[in-house]
């Protein structure tokens, strides 16, 4: 299995997650590969050929956060590049209220399903005149139907009752209109699951008023990127939320938070987002018993309210969280 430590706090949280995944009974042979800034500094490229070969061979990856340069010329987003290279078309983030975590709401339990390969993330942009830049939004029927099928099939597997498409078709009538038309076609084949639609601005308002009413959210790439972070804020932040990028042949699981360079190397990063992503990975590779053990231990650790990093109001280090989880797993 390909292990990508990542940049900033990535190596710390991924090492902690790998350690407790093994303590829970997970069986792995890790193939460690560099990506992002760490790879660029060493190899001159953020996506070395060795990384691509490793993922193709293993078909499953576990990744820490990677540095993405903002608003300047530099290497392109490694996350976006990996999704395109391996056609990881479904970005999946479960969002739920966690025990012992102070958050604005209780009873939140939803899944964000984001199309992961097109929209404005296609990277087609150019300057058409001085001071004028054009970015192209690409929406295709193929990708829209595929992600809609994934959302409905996921809803069926997870015994969910409702899929909500989130869009801006009142303004982008062709692109978002196509996305909705495809979702409606797929919805007709899943009559037992309720289907509805919300304009994205209204959806954001409803999410911060009544998030308990939502179940599975189906979104285009850009809206999904924004709304998934909004949803993380409903349950305590990105330090607690797992993520997966799923394709037909390859899957990469990741901590979805940033690299946090201000605390990198200090041993105080919260590893729980990476650990919950590890739970998703364990289930994906057919090790549900280890996944259940690790999830129970992580939830118990949170419920205890004793061993928590400073982002959750505590003083524990990454190592102390890891050691406490190992203790809980040994019982």
C-alpha atoms as a PDB file:
ATOM      1  CA  UNK A   1       0.000   0.000   0.000  1.00  0.00           C
ATOM      2  CA  UNK A   2       1.333   3.431  -0.937  1.00  0.00           C
ATOM      3  CA  UNK A   3       1.985   5.699   2.046  1.00  0.00           C
ATOM      4  CA  UNK A   4       2.488   9.399   1.302  1.00  0.00           C
ATOM      5  CA  UNK A   5       3.528  11.266   4.483  1.00  0.00           C
ATOM      6  CA  UNK A   6       2.918  14.675   2.908  1.00  0.00           C
ATOM      7  CA  UNK A   7       4.096  18.140   3.912  1.00  0.00           C
ATOM      8  CA  UNK A   8       3.986  20.171   7.122  1.00  0.00           C
ATOM      9  CA  UNK A   9       2.249  18.164   9.832  1.00  0.00           C
ATOM     10  CA  UNK A  10       1.524  15.371   7.352  1.00  0.00           C
ATOM     11  CA  UNK A  11       4.350  13.040   8.415  1.00  0.00           C
ATOM     12  CA  UNK A  12       3.328  13.380  12.077  1.00  0.00           C
ATOM     13  CA  UNK A  13      -0.372  12.620  11.654  1.00  0.00           C
ATOM     14  CA  UNK A  14       0.112   9.906   9.033  1.00  0.00           C
ATOM     15  CA  UNK A  15       2.714   8.122  11.179  1.00  0.00           C
ATOM     16  CA  UNK A  16       0.299   8.213  14.120  1.00  0.00           C
ATOM     17  CA  UNK A  17      -2.563   6.890  11.994  1.00  0.00           C
ATOM     18  CA  UNK A  18      -0.476   4.076  10.488  1.00  0.00           C
ATOM     19  CA  UNK A  19       0.661   3.057  13.971  1.00  0.00           C
ATOM     20  CA  UNK A  20      -2.839   2.748  15.427  1.00  0.00           C
ATOM     21  CA  UNK A  21      -4.216   1.102  12.272  1.00  0.00           C
ATOM     22  CA  UNK A  22      -1.675  -1.664  12.796  1.00  0.00           C
ATOM     23  CA  UNK A  23      -2.422  -1.768  16.540  1.00  0.00           C
ATOM     24  CA  UNK A  24      -6.089  -2.316  15.658  1.00  0.00           C
ATOM     25  CA  UNK A  25      -5.145  -5.382  13.643  1.00  0.00           C
ATOM     26  CA  UNK A  26      -4.751  -3.841  10.212  1.00  0.00           C
ATOM     27  CA  UNK A  27      -2.428  -5.793   7.933  1.00  0.00           C
ATOM     28  CA  UNK A  28      -0.294  -3.680   5.605  1.00  0.00           C
ATOM     29  CA  UNK A  29       2.986  -3.554   3.780  1.00  0.00           C
ATOM     30  CA  UNK A  30       3.704   0.143   3.426  1.00  0.00           C
ATOM     31  CA  UNK A  31       5.432   1.540   0.349  1.00  0.00           C
ATOM     32  CA  UNK A  32       6.524   5.032   1.449  1.00  0.00           C
ATOM     33  CA  UNK A  33       6.657   7.663  -1.310  1.00  0.00           C
ATOM     34  CA  UNK A  34       7.225  11.410  -1.310  1.00  0.00           C
ATOM     35  CA  UNK A  35       4.972  13.970  -2.983  1.00  0.00           C
ATOM     36  CA  UNK A  36       4.374  17.704  -2.852  1.00  0.00           C
ATOM     37  CA  UNK A  37       6.990  20.114  -1.512  1.00  0.00           C
ATOM     38  CA  UNK A  38       9.071  17.364   0.057  1.00  0.00           C
ATOM     39  CA  UNK A  39       9.363  15.636  -3.316  1.00  0.00           C
ATOM     40  CA  UNK A  40       9.922  18.907  -5.180  1.00  0.00           C
ATOM     41  CA  UNK A  41      12.803  19.881  -2.920  1.00  0.00           C
ATOM     42  CA  UNK A  42      14.442  16.471  -3.298  1.00  0.00           C
ATOM     43  CA  UNK A  43      13.549  15.412  -6.861  1.00  0.00           C
ATOM     44  CA  UNK A  44      12.640  18.637  -8.638  1.00  0.00           C
ATOM     45  CA  UNK A  45       9.040  17.485  -9.168  1.00  0.00           C
ATOM     46  CA  UNK A  46       6.084  17.328  -6.779  1.00  0.00           C
ATOM     47  CA  UNK A  47       4.862  14.097  -8.420  1.00  0.00           C
ATOM     48  CA  UNK A  48       7.797  11.721  -8.928  1.00  0.00           C
ATOM     49  CA  UNK A  49       7.442   8.818 -11.371  1.00  0.00           C
ATOM     50  CA  UNK A  50       8.126   6.434  -8.484  1.00  0.00           C
ATOM     51  CA  UNK A  51       4.977   7.697  -6.752  1.00  0.00           C
ATOM     52  CA  UNK A  52       2.823   7.105  -9.830  1.00  0.00           C
ATOM     53  CA  UNK A  53       4.249   3.608 -10.293  1.00  0.00           C
ATOM     54  CA  UNK A  54       3.641   2.779  -6.639  1.00  0.00           C
ATOM     55  CA  UNK A  55      -0.002   3.854  -6.715  1.00  0.00           C
ATOM     56  CA  UNK A  56      -0.618   1.988  -9.979  1.00  0.00           C
ATOM     57  CA  UNK A  57       0.884  -1.133  -8.460  1.00  0.00           C
ATOM     58  CA  UNK A  58      -0.818  -0.964  -5.062  1.00  0.00           C
ATOM     59  CA  UNK A  59      -4.138   0.617  -6.133  1.00  0.00           C
ATOM     60  CA  UNK A  60      -4.624   2.027  -2.624  1.00  0.00           C
ATOM     61  CA  UNK A  61      -2.931   5.059  -1.116  1.00  0.00           C
ATOM     62  CA  UNK A  62      -2.909   6.758   2.277  1.00  0.00           C
ATOM     63  CA  UNK A  63      -1.906  10.404   2.101  1.00  0.00           C
ATOM     64  CA  UNK A  64      -1.073  13.301   4.369  1.00  0.00           C
ATOM     65  CA  UNK A  65      -1.792  16.928   3.425  1.00  0.00           C
ATOM     66  CA  UNK A  66       0.294  18.396   0.601  1.00  0.00           C
ATOM     67  CA  UNK A  67       1.353  21.990   0.120  1.00  0.00           C
ATOM     68  CA  UNK A  68      -0.493  23.784  -2.683  1.00  0.00           C
ATOM     69  CA  UNK A  69       0.942  27.095  -3.831  1.00  0.00           C
ATOM     70  CA  UNK A  70      -1.616  29.904  -3.812  1.00  0.00           C
ATOM     71  CA  UNK A  71      -1.968  32.662  -6.375  1.00  0.00           C
ATOM     72  CA  UNK A  72       1.495  32.399  -7.894  1.00  0.00           C
ATOM     73  CA  UNK A  73       3.320  30.543 -10.597  1.00  0.00           C
ATOM     74  CA  UNK A  74       4.531  27.173  -9.371  1.00  0.00           C
ATOM     75  CA  UNK A  75       3.712  23.525  -9.518  1.00  0.00           C
ATOM     76  CA  UNK A  76       0.068  22.578  -9.895  1.00  0.00           C
ATOM     77  CA  UNK A  77      -1.990  21.068  -7.090  1.00  0.00           C
ATOM     78  CA  UNK A  78      -0.730  17.543  -6.451  1.00  0.00           C
ATOM     79  CA  UNK A  79      -4.138  16.559  -5.083  1.00  0.00           C
ATOM     80  CA  UNK A  80      -5.873  17.594  -8.307  1.00  0.00           C
ATOM     81  CA  UNK A  81      -3.174  15.951 -10.418  1.00  0.00           C
ATOM     82  CA  UNK A  82      -3.490  12.616  -8.600  1.00  0.00           C
ATOM     83  CA  UNK A  83      -7.280  12.667  -8.951  1.00  0.00           C
ATOM     84  CA  UNK A  84      -7.001  13.231 -12.691  1.00  0.00           C
ATOM     85  CA  UNK A  85      -4.164  10.757 -13.228  1.00  0.00           C
ATOM     86  CA  UNK A  86      -6.057   7.903 -11.566  1.00  0.00           C
ATOM     87  CA  UNK A  87      -9.586   9.083 -12.428  1.00  0.00           C
ATOM     88  CA  UNK A  88     -10.549   9.341  -8.763  1.00  0.00           C
ATOM     89  CA  UNK A  89     -13.940  10.721  -9.632  1.00  0.00           C
ATOM     90  CA  UNK A  90     -15.680  10.533  -6.239  1.00  0.00           C
ATOM     91  CA  UNK A  91     -14.561  12.567  -3.263  1.00  0.00           C
ATOM     92  CA  UNK A  92     -16.364  11.252  -0.178  1.00  0.00           C
ATOM     93  CA  UNK A  93     -16.464  12.917   3.233  1.00  0.00           C
ATOM     94  CA  UNK A  94     -18.626  11.548   6.045  1.00  0.00           C
ATOM     95  CA  UNK A  95     -19.634  14.311   8.459  1.00  0.00           C
ATOM     96  CA  UNK A  96     -21.107  13.414  11.833  1.00  0.00           C
ATOM     97  CA  UNK A  97     -21.392  14.696  15.367  1.00  0.00           C
ATOM     98  CA  UNK A  98     -18.687  13.141  17.547  1.00  0.00           C
ATOM     99  CA  UNK A  99     -18.906  12.375  21.285  1.00  0.00           C
ATOM    100  CA  UNK A 100     -17.182  14.805  23.590  1.00  0.00           C
ATOM    101  CA  UNK A 101     -16.549  17.409  20.884  1.00  0.00           C
ATOM    102  CA  UNK A 102     -17.936  20.882  21.367  1.00  0.00           C
ATOM    103  CA  UNK A 103     -19.740  21.899  18.185  1.00  0.00           C
ATOM    104  CA  UNK A 104     -22.714  24.086  17.223  1.00  0.00           C
ATOM    105  CA  UNK A 105     -25.027  21.127  16.513  1.00  0.00           C
ATOM    106  CA  UNK A 106     -25.909  17.644  17.673  1.00  0.00           C
ATOM    107  CA  UNK A 107     -27.288  14.821  15.584  1.00  0.00           C
ATOM    108  CA  UNK A 108     -25.426  15.681  12.367  1.00  0.00           C
ATOM    109  CA  UNK A 109     -24.880  12.613  10.177  1.00  0.00           C
ATOM    110  CA  UNK A 110     -24.413  13.302   6.473  1.00  0.00           C
ATOM    111  CA  UNK A 111     -22.101  12.365   3.594  1.00  0.00           C
ATOM    112  CA  UNK A 112     -20.712  14.817   1.063  1.00  0.00           C
ATOM    113  CA  UNK A 113     -20.212  13.262  -2.393  1.00  0.00           C
ATOM    114  CA  UNK A 114     -18.246  15.588  -4.659  1.00  0.00           C
ATOM    115  CA  UNK A 115     -17.462  15.121  -8.340  1.00  0.00           C
ATOM    116  CA  UNK A 116     -13.689  15.139  -8.380  1.00  0.00           C
ATOM    117  CA  UNK A 117     -12.373  15.430 -11.941  1.00  0.00           C
ATOM    118  CA  UNK A 118     -13.808  18.423 -13.790  1.00  0.00           C
ATOM    119  CA  UNK A 119     -15.612  21.781 -13.268  1.00  0.00           C
ATOM    120  CA  UNK A 120     -13.223  24.742 -12.922  1.00  0.00           C
ATOM    121  CA  UNK A 121     -10.635  22.315 -11.546  1.00  0.00           C
ATOM    122  CA  UNK A 122     -10.031  21.255 -15.138  1.00  0.00           C
ATOM    123  CA  UNK A 123      -7.416  24.011 -15.006  1.00  0.00           C
ATOM    124  CA  UNK A 124      -8.367  25.641 -18.319  1.00  0.00           C
ATOM    125  CA  UNK A 125      -7.669  29.315 -17.831  1.00  0.00           C
ATOM    126  CA  UNK A 126      -5.873  32.023 -19.748  1.00  0.00           C
ATOM    127  CA  UNK A 127      -5.472  35.754 -20.039  1.00  0.00           C
ATOM    128  CA  UNK A 128      -7.593  37.097 -22.877  1.00  0.00           C
ATOM    129  CA  UNK A 129      -6.504  40.718 -22.440  1.00  0.00           C
ATOM    130  CA  UNK A 130      -4.432  42.697 -19.937  1.00  0.00           C
ATOM    131  CA  UNK A 131      -6.302  42.531 -16.655  1.00  0.00           C
ATOM    132  CA  UNK A 132      -8.830  39.988 -17.963  1.00  0.00           C
ATOM    133  CA  UNK A 133      -8.539  36.272 -17.178  1.00  0.00           C
ATOM    134  CA  UNK A 134     -10.951  33.583 -18.317  1.00  0.00           C
ATOM    135  CA  UNK A 135     -11.451  30.266 -16.483  1.00  0.00           C
ATOM    136  CA  UNK A 136     -13.475  27.521 -18.171  1.00  0.00           C
ATOM    137  CA  UNK A 137     -15.992  25.426 -16.250  1.00  0.00           C
ATOM    138  CA  UNK A 138     -16.271  21.958 -17.764  1.00  0.00           C
ATOM    139  CA  UNK A 139     -19.303  19.780 -16.964  1.00  0.00           C
ATOM    140  CA  UNK A 140     -19.919  16.569 -18.909  1.00  0.00           C
ATOM    141  CA  UNK A 141     -22.840  14.181 -18.945  1.00  0.00           C
ATOM    142  CA  UNK A 142     -20.495  11.224 -18.456  1.00  0.00           C
ATOM    143  CA  UNK A 143     -18.944  12.573 -15.241  1.00  0.00           C
ATOM    144  CA  UNK A 144     -22.263  13.893 -13.941  1.00  0.00           C
ATOM    145  CA  UNK A 145     -24.064  10.568 -14.398  1.00  0.00           C
ATOM    146  CA  UNK A 146     -21.142   8.688 -12.893  1.00  0.00           C
ATOM    147  CA  UNK A 147     -21.021  10.727  -9.696  1.00  0.00           C
ATOM    148  CA  UNK A 148     -24.818  10.634  -9.382  1.00  0.00           C
ATOM    149  CA  UNK A 149     -24.753   6.835  -9.664  1.00  0.00           C
ATOM    150  CA  UNK A 150     -22.055   6.711  -7.000  1.00  0.00           C
ATOM    151  CA  UNK A 151     -24.097   8.907  -4.631  1.00  0.00           C
ATOM    152  CA  UNK A 152     -27.251   6.831  -5.009  1.00  0.00           C
ATOM    153  CA  UNK A 153     -25.412   3.517  -4.718  1.00  0.00           C
ATOM    154  CA  UNK A 154     -23.637   4.795  -1.603  1.00  0.00           C
ATOM    155  CA  UNK A 155     -26.969   5.903  -0.171  1.00  0.00           C
ATOM    156  CA  UNK A 156     -28.343   2.415  -0.786  1.00  0.00           C
ATOM    157  CA  UNK A 157     -25.378   0.668   0.852  1.00  0.00           C
ATOM    158  CA  UNK A 158     -25.465   2.977   3.860  1.00  0.00           C
ATOM    159  CA  UNK A 159     -29.266   2.770   4.177  1.00  0.00           C
ATOM    160  CA  UNK A 160     -29.645   6.477   3.608  1.00  0.00           C
ATOM    161  CA  UNK A 161     -33.020   7.904   2.697  1.00  0.00           C
ATOM    162  CA  UNK A 162     -32.263  11.071   0.726  1.00  0.00           C
ATOM    163  CA  UNK A 163     -29.900  12.471  -1.913  1.00  0.00           C
ATOM    164  CA  UNK A 164     -29.803  16.242  -2.400  1.00  0.00           C
ATOM    165  CA  UNK A 165     -28.199  17.760  -5.516  1.00  0.00           C
ATOM    166  CA  UNK A 166     -26.683  21.161  -4.855  1.00  0.00           C
ATOM    167  CA  UNK A 167     -26.309  23.506  -7.827  1.00  0.00           C
ATOM    168  CA  UNK A 168     -26.508  27.026  -9.284  1.00  0.00           C
ATOM    169  CA  UNK A 169     -28.599  26.188 -12.343  1.00  0.00           C
ATOM    170  CA  UNK A 170     -30.624  29.368 -11.958  1.00  0.00           C
ATOM    171  CA  UNK A 171     -27.523  31.198 -13.222  1.00  0.00           C
ATOM    172  CA  UNK A 172     -25.402  28.545 -14.959  1.00  0.00           C
ATOM    173  CA  UNK A 173     -28.290  27.068 -16.864  1.00  0.00           C
ATOM    174  CA  UNK A 174     -26.284  24.925 -19.292  1.00  0.00           C
ATOM    175  CA  UNK A 175     -23.490  23.544 -17.086  1.00  0.00           C
ATOM    176  CA  UNK A 176     -25.352  23.098 -13.813  1.00  0.00           C
ATOM    177  CA  UNK A 177     -28.506  22.338 -15.795  1.00  0.00           C
ATOM    178  CA  UNK A 178     -26.713  19.362 -17.368  1.00  0.00           C
ATOM    179  CA  UNK A 179     -25.529  18.180 -13.953  1.00  0.00           C
ATOM    180  CA  UNK A 180     -29.106  18.271 -12.651  1.00  0.00           C
ATOM    181  CA  UNK A 181     -30.538  16.547 -15.720  1.00  0.00           C
ATOM    182  CA  UNK A 182     -28.104  13.662 -15.232  1.00  0.00           C
ATOM    183  CA  UNK A 183     -28.863  13.420 -11.512  1.00  0.00           C
ATOM    184  CA  UNK A 184     -32.594  13.296 -12.255  1.00  0.00           C
ATOM    185  CA  UNK A 185     -32.076  10.473 -14.760  1.00  0.00           C
ATOM    186  CA  UNK A 186     -30.178   8.444 -12.186  1.00  0.00           C
ATOM    187  CA  UNK A 187     -32.696   9.240  -9.439  1.00  0.00           C
ATOM    188  CA  UNK A 188     -35.476   7.612 -11.464  1.00  0.00           C
ATOM    189  CA  UNK A 189     -33.675   4.264 -11.125  1.00  0.00           C
ATOM    190  CA  UNK A 190     -33.573   4.572  -7.322  1.00  0.00           C
ATOM    191  CA  UNK A 191     -37.195   5.137  -6.430  1.00  0.00           C
ATOM    192  CA  UNK A 192     -36.743   4.106  -2.788  1.00  0.00           C
ATOM    193  CA  UNK A 193     -34.370   6.998  -2.154  1.00  0.00           C
ATOM    194  CA  UNK A 194     -35.852  10.481  -2.003  1.00  0.00           C
ATOM    195  CA  UNK A 195     -34.258  12.960  -4.386  1.00  0.00           C
ATOM    196  CA  UNK A 196     -34.365  16.742  -4.140  1.00  0.00           C
ATOM    197  CA  UNK A 197     -32.365  19.807  -5.183  1.00  0.00           C
ATOM    198  CA  UNK A 198     -31.148  23.019  -3.576  1.00  0.00           C
ATOM    199  CA  UNK A 199     -29.435  26.089  -4.977  1.00  0.00           C
ATOM    200  CA  UNK A 200     -25.986  26.231  -3.408  1.00  0.00           C
ATOM    201  CA  UNK A 201     -26.413  29.509  -1.517  1.00  0.00           C
ATOM    202  CA  UNK A 202     -29.691  28.325  -0.015  1.00  0.00           C
ATOM    203  CA  UNK A 203     -28.108  24.960   0.782  1.00  0.00           C
ATOM    204  CA  UNK A 204     -25.344  26.673   2.754  1.00  0.00           C
ATOM    205  CA  UNK A 205     -27.896  28.613   4.760  1.00  0.00           C
ATOM    206  CA  UNK A 206     -29.959  25.495   5.454  1.00  0.00           C
ATOM    207  CA  UNK A 207     -26.834  23.596   6.510  1.00  0.00           C
ATOM    208  CA  UNK A 208     -25.972  26.135   9.189  1.00  0.00           C
ATOM    209  CA  UNK A 209     -29.587  26.255  10.382  1.00  0.00           C
ATOM    210  CA  UNK A 210     -30.777  22.621  10.201  1.00  0.00           C
ATOM    211  CA  UNK A 211     -27.896  20.285   9.238  1.00  0.00           C
ATOM    212  CA  UNK A 212     -29.664  17.311  10.833  1.00  0.00           C
ATOM    213  CA  UNK A 213     -32.141  17.282   7.954  1.00  0.00           C
ATOM    214  CA  UNK A 214     -29.500  16.369   5.358  1.00  0.00           C
ATOM    215  CA  UNK A 215     -28.380  12.898   4.400  1.00  0.00           C
ATOM    216  CA  UNK A 216     -26.291  12.546   1.198  1.00  0.00           C
ATOM    217  CA  UNK A 217     -25.193  15.698  -0.626  1.00  0.00           C
ATOM    218  CA  UNK A 218     -24.336  15.440  -4.338  1.00  0.00           C
ATOM    219  CA  UNK A 219     -22.212  18.295  -5.695  1.00  0.00           C
ATOM    220  CA  UNK A 220     -20.045  19.432  -8.555  1.00  0.00           C
ATOM    221  CA  UNK A 221     -16.353  19.861  -7.836  1.00  0.00           C
ATOM    222  CA  UNK A 222     -16.144  23.513  -6.767  1.00  0.00           C
ATOM    223  CA  UNK A 223     -19.333  23.521  -4.697  1.00  0.00           C
ATOM    224  CA  UNK A 224     -18.271  20.250  -3.108  1.00  0.00           C
ATOM    225  CA  UNK A 225     -14.885  21.644  -2.130  1.00  0.00           C
ATOM    226  CA  UNK A 226     -16.508  24.599  -0.370  1.00  0.00           C
ATOM    227  CA  UNK A 227     -19.519  22.859   1.163  1.00  0.00           C
ATOM    228  CA  UNK A 228     -17.500  19.927   2.518  1.00  0.00           C
ATOM    229  CA  UNK A 229     -15.358  22.328   4.571  1.00  0.00           C
ATOM    230  CA  UNK A 230     -18.481  24.153   5.731  1.00  0.00           C
ATOM    231  CA  UNK A 231     -19.894  20.825   6.887  1.00  0.00           C
ATOM    232  CA  UNK A 232     -16.682  20.011   8.751  1.00  0.00           C
ATOM    233  CA  UNK A 233     -17.240  23.201  10.731  1.00  0.00           C
ATOM    234  CA  UNK A 234     -20.594  21.852  11.886  1.00  0.00           C
ATOM    235  CA  UNK A 235     -18.927  19.018  13.829  1.00  0.00           C
ATOM    236  CA  UNK A 236     -15.690  20.483  15.156  1.00  0.00           C
ATOM    237  CA  UNK A 237     -13.457  21.233  12.190  1.00  0.00           C
ATOM    238  CA  UNK A 238     -11.194  19.641   9.610  1.00  0.00           C
ATOM    239  CA  UNK A 239      -9.041  18.046  12.299  1.00  0.00           C
ATOM    240  CA  UNK A 240     -11.791  15.460  12.791  1.00  0.00           C
ATOM    241  CA  UNK A 241     -13.118  14.785   9.292  1.00  0.00           C
ATOM    242  CA  UNK A 242     -11.930  11.937   7.054  1.00  0.00           C
ATOM    243  CA  UNK A 243     -11.854  11.861   3.272  1.00  0.00           C
ATOM    244  CA  UNK A 244     -11.489   9.465   0.370  1.00  0.00           C
ATOM    245  CA  UNK A 245     -10.912   9.820  -3.362  1.00  0.00           C
ATOM    246  CA  UNK A 246     -12.445   6.827  -5.110  1.00  0.00           C
ATOM    247  CA  UNK A 247     -12.064   5.570  -8.669  1.00  0.00           C
ATOM    248  CA  UNK A 248     -12.862   2.297 -10.397  1.00  0.00           C
ATOM    249  CA  UNK A 249      -9.325   0.960  -9.982  1.00  0.00           C
ATOM    250  CA  UNK A 250      -7.578   3.157  -7.417  1.00  0.00           C
ATOM    251  CA  UNK A 251      -8.525   4.812  -4.121  1.00  0.00           C
ATOM    252  CA  UNK A 252      -6.564   7.345  -2.082  1.00  0.00           C
ATOM    253  CA  UNK A 253      -7.552   8.133   1.500  1.00  0.00           C
ATOM    254  CA  UNK A 254      -6.426  11.359   3.090  1.00  0.00           C
ATOM    255  CA  UNK A 255      -6.541  13.779   5.966  1.00  0.00           C
ATOM    256  CA  UNK A 256      -8.385  16.675   4.340  1.00  0.00           C
ATOM    257  CA  UNK A 257      -6.951  19.480   6.470  1.00  0.00           C
ATOM    258  CA  UNK A 258      -3.988  21.631   5.481  1.00  0.00           C
ATOM    259  CA  UNK A 259      -0.288  21.304   6.169  1.00  0.00           C
ATOM    260  CA  UNK A 260      -0.350  23.720   9.173  1.00  0.00           C
ATOM    261  CA  UNK A 261       3.267  24.859   8.769  1.00  0.00           C
ATOM    262  CA  UNK A 262       3.035  26.972  11.924  1.00  0.00           C
ATOM    263  CA  UNK A 263       2.905  23.847  14.104  1.00  0.00           C
ATOM    264  CA  UNK A 264       4.811  21.393  11.894  1.00  0.00           C
ATOM    265  CA  UNK A 265       7.456  19.491  13.813  1.00  0.00           C
ATOM    266  CA  UNK A 266       6.146  20.574  17.215  1.00  0.00           C
ATOM    267  CA  UNK A 267       4.316  17.309  17.922  1.00  0.00           C
ATOM    268  CA  UNK A 268       0.988  18.954  18.712  1.00  0.00           C
ATOM    269  CA  UNK A 269      -1.031  18.184  15.558  1.00  0.00           C
ATOM    270  CA  UNK A 270      -4.360  16.411  15.861  1.00  0.00           C
ATOM    271  CA  UNK A 271      -4.079  12.986  14.145  1.00  0.00           C
ATOM    272  CA  UNK A 272      -7.775  12.104  14.330  1.00  0.00           C
ATOM    273  CA  UNK A 273      -8.723  13.190  10.792  1.00  0.00           C
ATOM    274  CA  UNK A 274      -5.990  10.909   9.457  1.00  0.00           C
ATOM    275  CA  UNK A 275      -7.080   8.141  11.821  1.00  0.00           C
ATOM    276  CA  UNK A 276     -10.726   8.318  10.757  1.00  0.00           C
ATOM    277  CA  UNK A 277      -9.520   8.279   7.140  1.00  0.00           C
ATOM    278  CA  UNK A 278      -7.614   5.146   8.077  1.00  0.00           C
ATOM    279  CA  UNK A 279     -10.867   3.628   9.295  1.00  0.00           C
ATOM    280  CA  UNK A 280     -12.370   4.273   5.851  1.00  0.00           C
ATOM    281  CA  UNK A 281      -9.302   2.715   4.223  1.00  0.00           C
ATOM    282  CA  UNK A 282      -9.525  -0.417   6.373  1.00  0.00           C
ATOM    283  CA  UNK A 283     -13.135  -0.934   5.326  1.00  0.00           C
ATOM    284  CA  UNK A 284     -12.237  -0.349   1.675  1.00  0.00           C
ATOM    285  CA  UNK A 285      -9.561  -3.056   1.702  1.00  0.00           C
ATOM    286  CA  UNK A 286     -11.790  -5.619   3.397  1.00  0.00           C
ATOM    287  CA  UNK A 287     -10.592  -5.350   6.996  1.00  0.00           C
ATOM    288  CA  UNK A 288     -13.839  -4.300   8.742  1.00  0.00           C
ATOM    289  CA  UNK A 289     -12.986  -5.836  12.127  1.00  0.00           C
ATOM    290  CA  UNK A 290      -9.853  -3.688  12.437  1.00  0.00           C
ATOM    291  CA  UNK A 291     -11.820  -0.668  11.199  1.00  0.00           C
ATOM    292  CA  UNK A 292     -14.516  -1.173  13.828  1.00  0.00           C
ATOM    293  CA  UNK A 293     -11.954  -1.603  16.610  1.00  0.00           C
ATOM    294  CA  UNK A 294     -10.112   1.556  15.649  1.00  0.00           C
ATOM    295  CA  UNK A 295     -13.289   3.592  15.244  1.00  0.00           C
ATOM    296  CA  UNK A 296     -14.597   2.498  18.647  1.00  0.00           C
ATOM    297  CA  UNK A 297     -11.296   3.390  20.284  1.00  0.00           C
ATOM    298  CA  UNK A 298     -11.190   6.839  18.631  1.00  0.00           C
ATOM    299  CA  UNK A 299     -14.775   7.597  19.654  1.00  0.00           C
ATOM    300  CA  UNK A 300     -14.057   6.463  23.212  1.00  0.00           C
ATOM    301  CA  UNK A 301     -10.963   8.682  23.345  1.00  0.00           C
ATOM    302  CA  UNK A 302     -13.079  11.682  22.337  1.00  0.00           C
ATOM    303  CA  UNK A 303     -15.837  10.787  24.798  1.00  0.00           C
ATOM    304  CA  UNK A 304     -13.311  10.629  27.654  1.00  0.00           C
ATOM    305  CA  UNK A 305     -12.502  14.331  27.102  1.00  0.00           C
ATOM    306  CA  UNK A 306      -9.043  13.805  28.641  1.00  0.00           C
ATOM    307  CA  UNK A 307      -6.528  13.248  25.869  1.00  0.00           C
ATOM    308  CA  UNK A 308      -7.056  15.858  23.202  1.00  0.00           C
ATOM    309  CA  UNK A 309      -4.870  18.228  21.233  1.00  0.00           C
ATOM    310  CA  UNK A 310      -5.055  21.964  21.618  1.00  0.00           C
ATOM    311  CA  UNK A 311      -7.373  22.498  18.615  1.00  0.00           C
ATOM    312  CA  UNK A 312      -9.968  20.618  20.674  1.00  0.00           C
ATOM    313  CA  UNK A 313      -9.243  22.591  23.839  1.00  0.00           C
ATOM    314  CA  UNK A 314      -6.698  20.207  25.340  1.00  0.00           C
ATOM    315  CA  UNK A 315      -2.951  20.083  25.886  1.00  0.00           C
ATOM    316  CA  UNK A 316      -2.089  16.577  24.648  1.00  0.00           C
ATOM    317  CA  UNK A 317       0.592  15.966  22.067  1.00  0.00           C
ATOM    318  CA  UNK A 318       0.223  13.873  18.931  1.00  0.00           C
ATOM    319  CA  UNK A 319       2.224  11.134  20.639  1.00  0.00           C
ATOM    320  CA  UNK A 320      -0.026  11.164  23.714  1.00  0.00           C
ATOM    321  CA  UNK A 321      -3.153  10.800  21.593  1.00  0.00           C
ATOM    322  CA  UNK A 322      -1.524   7.911  19.753  1.00  0.00           C
ATOM    323  CA  UNK A 323      -0.434   6.200  22.956  1.00  0.00           C
ATOM    324  CA  UNK A 324      -3.887   6.562  24.509  1.00  0.00           C
ATOM    325  CA  UNK A 325      -5.482   5.020  21.449  1.00  0.00           C
ATOM    326  CA  UNK A 326      -3.042   2.128  21.624  1.00  0.00           C
ATOM    327  CA  UNK A 327      -3.972   1.619  25.263  1.00  0.00           C
ATOM    328  CA  UNK A 328      -7.665   1.580  24.423  1.00  0.00           C
ATOM    329  CA  UNK A 329      -7.043  -0.886  21.584  1.00  0.00           C
ATOM    330  CA  UNK A 330      -5.162  -3.244  23.890  1.00  0.00           C
ATOM    331  CA  UNK A 331      -8.127  -3.723  26.203  1.00  0.00           C
END
